[in-house]
C-alpha atoms as a PDB file:
ATOM      1  CA  MET A   1     -31.374   5.255 -33.952  1.00  0.00           C
ATOM      2  CA  ALA A   2     -28.729   4.158 -36.198  1.00  0.00           C
ATOM      3  CA  ASN A   3     -26.896   7.425 -35.948  1.00  0.00           C
ATOM      4  CA  GLN A   4     -27.528   8.177 -32.249  1.00  0.00           C
ATOM      5  CA  GLU A   5     -24.446   9.572 -30.471  1.00  0.00           C
ATOM      6  CA  HIS A   6     -23.101   7.712 -27.558  1.00  0.00           C
ATOM      7  CA  THR A   7     -23.220  10.185 -24.753  1.00  0.00           C
ATOM      8  CA  ASN A   8     -22.041   7.962 -21.779  1.00  0.00           C
ATOM      9  CA  LYS A   9     -18.342   8.446 -21.674  1.00  0.00           C
ATOM     10  CA  SER A  10     -16.329   6.042 -19.503  1.00  0.00           C
ATOM     11  CA  PRO A  11     -13.888   7.637 -16.975  1.00  0.00           C
ATOM     12  CA  LYS A  12     -10.340   7.714 -18.231  1.00  0.00           C
ATOM     13  CA  LEU A  13      -8.420   4.960 -16.878  1.00  0.00           C
ATOM     14  CA  VAL A  14      -4.971   5.307 -15.514  1.00  0.00           C
ATOM     15  CA  HIS A  15      -2.282   2.538 -14.850  1.00  0.00           C
ATOM     16  CA  LYS A  16      -0.535   3.421 -11.727  1.00  0.00           C
ATOM     17  CA  HIS A  17       1.726   1.061 -10.086  1.00  0.00           C
ATOM     18  CA  LEU A  18       3.567   1.579  -6.812  1.00  0.00           C
ATOM     19  CA  ILE A  19       6.423  -0.954  -5.790  1.00  0.00           C
ATOM     20  CA  VAL A  20       7.770  -0.648  -2.316  1.00  0.00           C
ATOM     21  CA  ARG A  21      10.594  -2.329  -0.402  1.00  0.00           C
ATOM     22  CA  ALA A  22      10.667  -1.300   3.285  1.00  0.00           C
ATOM     23  CA  GLU A  23      13.048  -2.189   5.932  1.00  0.00           C
ATOM     24  CA  VAL A  24      11.104  -2.181   9.061  1.00  0.00           C
ATOM     25  CA  ASN A  25      11.694  -2.712  12.790  1.00  0.00           C
ATOM     26  CA  SER A  26       8.260  -4.316  13.417  1.00  0.00           C
ATOM     27  CA  PRO A  27       7.151  -6.679  10.890  1.00  0.00           C
ATOM     28  CA  PRO A  28       3.644  -8.323  11.346  1.00  0.00           C
ATOM     29  CA  LEU A  29       4.643 -11.077  13.723  1.00  0.00           C
ATOM     30  CA  PHE A  30       1.173 -11.876  14.994  1.00  0.00           C
ATOM     31  CA  LYS A  31       0.224 -15.353  13.705  1.00  0.00           C
ATOM     32  CA  ASP A  32      -3.347 -13.906  13.362  1.00  0.00           C
ATOM     33  CA  ARG A  33      -4.216 -14.089   9.757  1.00  0.00           C
ATOM     34  CA  GLU A  34      -7.437 -12.156  10.264  1.00  0.00           C
ATOM     35  CA  LYS A  35      -5.500  -9.054  11.903  1.00  0.00           C
ATOM     36  CA  LEU A  36      -3.523  -8.761   8.760  1.00  0.00           C
ATOM     37  CA  ASP A  37      -6.666  -9.318   6.630  1.00  0.00           C
ATOM     38  CA  ASN A  38      -8.257  -6.223   8.515  1.00  0.00           C
ATOM     39  CA  GLU A  39      -5.073  -4.155   8.122  1.00  0.00           C
ATOM     40  CA  MET A  40      -5.109  -4.838   4.344  1.00  0.00           C
ATOM     41  CA  LYS A  41      -8.843  -4.069   4.247  1.00  0.00           C
ATOM     42  CA  SER A  42      -8.021  -0.826   6.014  1.00  0.00           C
ATOM     43  CA  LEU A  43      -5.410   0.149   3.456  1.00  0.00           C
ATOM     44  CA  ILE A  44      -7.846  -0.463   0.469  1.00  0.00           C
ATOM     45  CA  LYS A  45     -10.430   1.664   2.216  1.00  0.00           C
ATOM     46  CA  ASN A  46      -7.968   4.496   2.867  1.00  0.00           C
ATOM     47  CA  ILE A  47      -6.921   4.677  -0.822  1.00  0.00           C
ATOM     48  CA  ASP A  48     -10.702   4.640  -1.918  1.00  0.00           C
ATOM     49  CA  MET A  49     -10.672   1.094  -3.555  1.00  0.00           C
ATOM     50  CA  ASN A  50     -13.306  -1.622  -3.595  1.00  0.00           C
ATOM     51  CA  ILE A  51     -12.468  -5.230  -2.825  1.00  0.00           C
ATOM     52  CA  LEU A  52     -13.517  -8.003  -5.374  1.00  0.00           C
ATOM     53  CA  SER A  53     -11.933 -10.960  -3.615  1.00  0.00           C
ATOM     54  CA  GLY A  54      -9.682 -11.274  -0.633  1.00  0.00           C
ATOM     55  CA  PRO A  55      -7.599 -10.412   1.093  1.00  0.00           C
ATOM     56  CA  HIS A  56      -6.089 -13.830   1.031  1.00  0.00           C
ATOM     57  CA  THR A  57      -3.337 -14.252   3.552  1.00  0.00           C
ATOM     58  CA  LYS A  58      -1.056 -17.083   4.535  1.00  0.00           C
ATOM     59  CA  TRP A  59       1.776 -17.341   6.990  1.00  0.00           C
ATOM     60  CA  SER A  60       4.909 -19.262   5.836  1.00  0.00           C
ATOM     61  CA  ASP A  61       6.641 -21.258   8.345  1.00  0.00           C
ATOM     62  CA  VAL A  62       9.551 -22.263   5.764  1.00  0.00           C
ATOM     63  CA  GLU A  63      12.876 -21.702   7.285  1.00  0.00           C
ATOM     64  CA  GLY A  64      14.467 -18.690   6.003  1.00  0.00           C
ATOM     65  CA  ASN A  65      11.099 -17.491   4.602  1.00  0.00           C
ATOM     66  CA  GLU A  66       9.007 -16.999   7.653  1.00  0.00           C
ATOM     67  CA  GLY A  67       6.458 -14.356   7.168  1.00  0.00           C
ATOM     68  CA  TYR A  68       3.102 -13.201   5.521  1.00  0.00           C
ATOM     69  CA  SER A  69       1.962 -13.063   1.932  1.00  0.00           C
ATOM     70  CA  SER A  70      -1.407 -11.505   1.153  1.00  0.00           C
ATOM     71  CA  VAL A  71      -3.096 -10.669  -2.001  1.00  0.00           C
ATOM     72  CA  ALA A  72      -6.444  -8.689  -2.583  1.00  0.00           C
ATOM     73  CA  ILE A  73      -8.213  -8.322  -5.799  1.00  0.00           C
ATOM     74  CA  ILE A  74      -9.629  -4.837  -6.137  1.00  0.00           C
ATOM     75  CA  ASP A  75     -12.073  -3.648  -8.715  1.00  0.00           C
ATOM     76  CA  THR A  76      -9.323  -1.837 -10.392  1.00  0.00           C
ATOM     77  CA  SER A  77      -6.441  -4.396 -10.091  1.00  0.00           C
ATOM     78  CA  SER A  78      -4.602  -5.894  -7.094  1.00  0.00           C
ATOM     79  CA  ILE A  79      -2.680  -5.242  -4.012  1.00  0.00           C
ATOM     80  CA  THR A  80       0.012  -7.760  -3.003  1.00  0.00           C
ATOM     81  CA  PHE A  81       1.802  -7.705   0.438  1.00  0.00           C
ATOM     82  CA  HIS A  82       4.867  -9.867   1.536  1.00  0.00           C
ATOM     83  CA  SER A  83       6.811  -9.647   4.939  1.00  0.00           C
ATOM     84  CA  TRP A  84       9.722 -11.529   6.173  1.00  0.00           C
ATOM     85  CA  LEU A  85      11.035 -11.914   9.725  1.00  0.00           C
ATOM     86  CA  GLU A  86      14.676 -12.127   8.754  1.00  0.00           C
ATOM     87  CA  PRO A  87      15.534  -9.578   7.315  1.00  0.00           C
ATOM     88  CA  SER A  88      12.705  -7.627   8.688  1.00  0.00           C
ATOM     89  CA  LEU A  89      11.412  -6.558   5.350  1.00  0.00           C
ATOM     90  CA  ILE A  90       8.061  -5.734   3.704  1.00  0.00           C
ATOM     91  CA  GLN A  91       7.430  -5.610  -0.175  1.00  0.00           C
ATOM     92  CA  LEU A  92       4.198  -4.291  -1.385  1.00  0.00           C
ATOM     93  CA  ASP A  93       2.757  -3.692  -4.785  1.00  0.00           C
ATOM     94  CA  VAL A  94      -0.332  -1.560  -5.528  1.00  0.00           C
ATOM     95  CA  TYR A  95      -1.352  -1.306  -9.090  1.00  0.00           C
ATOM     96  CA  SER A  96      -4.703   0.261 -10.049  1.00  0.00           C
ATOM     97  CA  CYS A  97      -6.503   1.820 -13.021  1.00  0.00           C
ATOM     98  CA  LYS A  98      -7.620   4.392 -10.485  1.00  0.00           C
ATOM     99  CA  ASP A  99      -5.644   7.146  -9.131  1.00  0.00           C
ATOM    100  CA  PHE A 100      -4.413   6.750  -5.593  1.00  0.00           C
ATOM    101  CA  LYS A 101      -2.109   8.727  -3.019  1.00  0.00           C
ATOM    102  CA  ILE A 102       1.081   7.103  -2.321  1.00  0.00           C
ATOM    103  CA  LYS A 103       1.577   9.132   0.834  1.00  0.00           C
ATOM    104  CA  THR A 104      -1.583   7.322   2.192  1.00  0.00           C
ATOM    105  CA  ILE A 105       0.064   4.103   1.668  1.00  0.00           C
ATOM    106  CA  PHE A 106       3.391   5.288   3.266  1.00  0.00           C
ATOM    107  CA  MET A 107       1.238   6.180   6.309  1.00  0.00           C
ATOM    108  CA  TRP A 108      -0.225   2.998   6.528  1.00  0.00           C
ATOM    109  CA  LEU A 109       3.160   1.174   6.260  1.00  0.00           C
ATOM    110  CA  ALA A 110       4.556   3.389   9.225  1.00  0.00           C
ATOM    111  CA  GLN A 111       2.524   1.184  11.589  1.00  0.00           C
ATOM    112  CA  PHE A 112       5.535  -1.457  10.998  1.00  0.00           C
ATOM    113  CA  ASP A 113       8.151   1.189  12.061  1.00  0.00           C
ATOM    114  CA  ILE A 114       9.930   1.930   8.817  1.00  0.00           C
ATOM    115  CA  GLU A 115      13.558   2.091   9.074  1.00  0.00           C
ATOM    116  CA  GLN A 116      14.290   2.677   5.249  1.00  0.00           C
ATOM    117  CA  LEU A 117      11.910   2.986   2.549  1.00  0.00           C
ATOM    118  CA  ASP A 118      12.694   2.425  -1.350  1.00  0.00           C
ATOM    119  CA  TYR A 119      10.022   2.635  -4.030  1.00  0.00           C
ATOM    120  CA  LYS A 120       9.191   3.213  -7.670  1.00  0.00           C
ATOM    121  CA  TYR A 121       5.926   4.819  -8.672  1.00  0.00           C
ATOM    122  CA  ILE A 122       5.282   4.238 -12.420  1.00  0.00           C
ATOM    123  CA  ASP A 123       2.705   4.912 -15.086  1.00  0.00           C
ATOM    124  CA  ARG A 124       1.987   1.562 -17.078  1.00  0.00           C
ATOM    125  CA  ASP A 125      -0.443   3.151 -19.499  1.00  0.00           C
ATOM    126  CA  LYS A 126       2.143   3.103 -22.555  1.00  0.00           C
ATOM    127  CA  GLY A 127       5.415   1.550 -21.419  1.00  0.00           C
ATOM    128  CA  PHE A 128       6.864   2.297 -17.909  1.00  0.00           C
ATOM    129  CA  LYS A 129       7.049   5.879 -17.133  1.00  0.00           C
ATOM    130  CA  ASP A 130       8.641   7.195 -13.657  1.00  0.00           C
ATOM    131  CA  LEU A 131       6.044   9.547 -11.853  1.00  0.00           C
ATOM    132  CA  ASN A 132       8.670  11.611 -10.307  1.00  0.00           C
ATOM    133  CA  GLU A 133       6.484  14.491  -9.737  1.00  0.00           C
ATOM    134  CA  ASN A 134       4.438  12.399  -7.281  1.00  0.00           C
ATOM    135  CA  GLN A 135       7.161  11.081  -5.233  1.00  0.00           C
ATOM    136  CA  LEU A 136       7.910  12.258  -1.631  1.00  0.00           C
ATOM    137  CA  SER A 137      11.272  13.631  -1.295  1.00  0.00           C
ATOM    138  CA  TRP A 138      12.016  11.919   1.872  1.00  0.00           C
ATOM    139  CA  TRP A 139      10.505   9.587   4.493  1.00  0.00           C
ATOM    140  CA  ASP A 140      11.990   9.718   8.212  1.00  0.00           C
ATOM    141  CA  SER A 141      10.284   7.245  10.440  1.00  0.00           C
ATOM    142  CA  LYS A 142      11.758   8.827  13.698  1.00  0.00           C
ATOM    143  CA  TYR A 143      10.079  12.084  12.598  1.00  0.00           C
ATOM    144  CA  TYR A 144       6.783  10.434  11.724  1.00  0.00           C
ATOM    145  CA  ASN A 145       6.898   8.387  15.009  1.00  0.00           C
ATOM    146  CA  LYS A 146       7.729  11.411  17.082  1.00  0.00           C
ATOM    147  CA  MET A 147       4.776  13.173  15.597  1.00  0.00           C
ATOM    148  CA  GLU A 148       2.532  10.269  16.274  1.00  0.00           C
ATOM    149  CA  GLU A 149       3.612  10.308  19.992  1.00  0.00           C
ATOM    150  CA  LEU A 150       3.016  14.081  20.322  1.00  0.00           C
ATOM    151  CA  LYS A 151      -0.467  13.657  18.719  1.00  0.00           C
ATOM    152  CA  GLN A 152      -1.418  11.105  21.433  1.00  0.00           C
ATOM    153  CA  LYS A 153      -0.237  13.333  24.085  1.00  0.00           C
ATOM    154  CA  ASP A 154      -2.129  16.392  22.831  1.00  0.00           C
ATOM    155  CA  PRO A 155      -4.434  15.643  19.863  1.00  0.00           C
ATOM    156  CA  PHE A 156      -5.831  19.436  19.805  1.00  0.00           C
ATOM    157  CA  ILE A 157      -2.279  20.841  19.172  1.00  0.00           C
ATOM    158  CA  TYR A 158      -0.815  18.100  16.822  1.00  0.00           C
ATOM    159  CA  LYS A 159      -3.591  17.425  14.412  1.00  0.00           C
END
C-alpha cells in the first residue's frame, strides 16, 4: 500500500473576483433586512453557490452613509454587498474558487434599475489578471427594462 497511486483528483480551483460599482435609480430602501437577505440568497442560488454563513445584513442610519451592508460566506469564498441612498449606489464583490457567470450577477442587479455599471473581473490565481474575454461589451438598463416589460405583457413571444 505504500506505493498506491492517488486516484481521487480534486477539482481545479479558480480564483475569480468580480468587483461592481453600479449607479442605480432604485437602491434597496426597504428597512426589511429579511428581504435583502432573501435577495442575497437568491443571487447565491442563481450563481450555483452554497451558503456557509449568512447573509448577515445591517442597515446604517449614519448620516451620509445610510444604506445596507450585507455579507455571505459561501463554500468557495464570499459575497459582499453595500448600498447607499445618496448617491444611489451599489457596490458588490463576488469572489469564488468556483466559476460563475457575471451576466447572471448583472441580471440580479437589474432589479435596482441600473443607470451605469462599472466592473472589473479578475483572475486572482497568480497575481491579478483581467478577464476581458468574459466581459459584456455593454449594459443598457433601458433596453433591459423594456425587454422585461415586454416579457410581462407577452411571455410566450419574449422568452
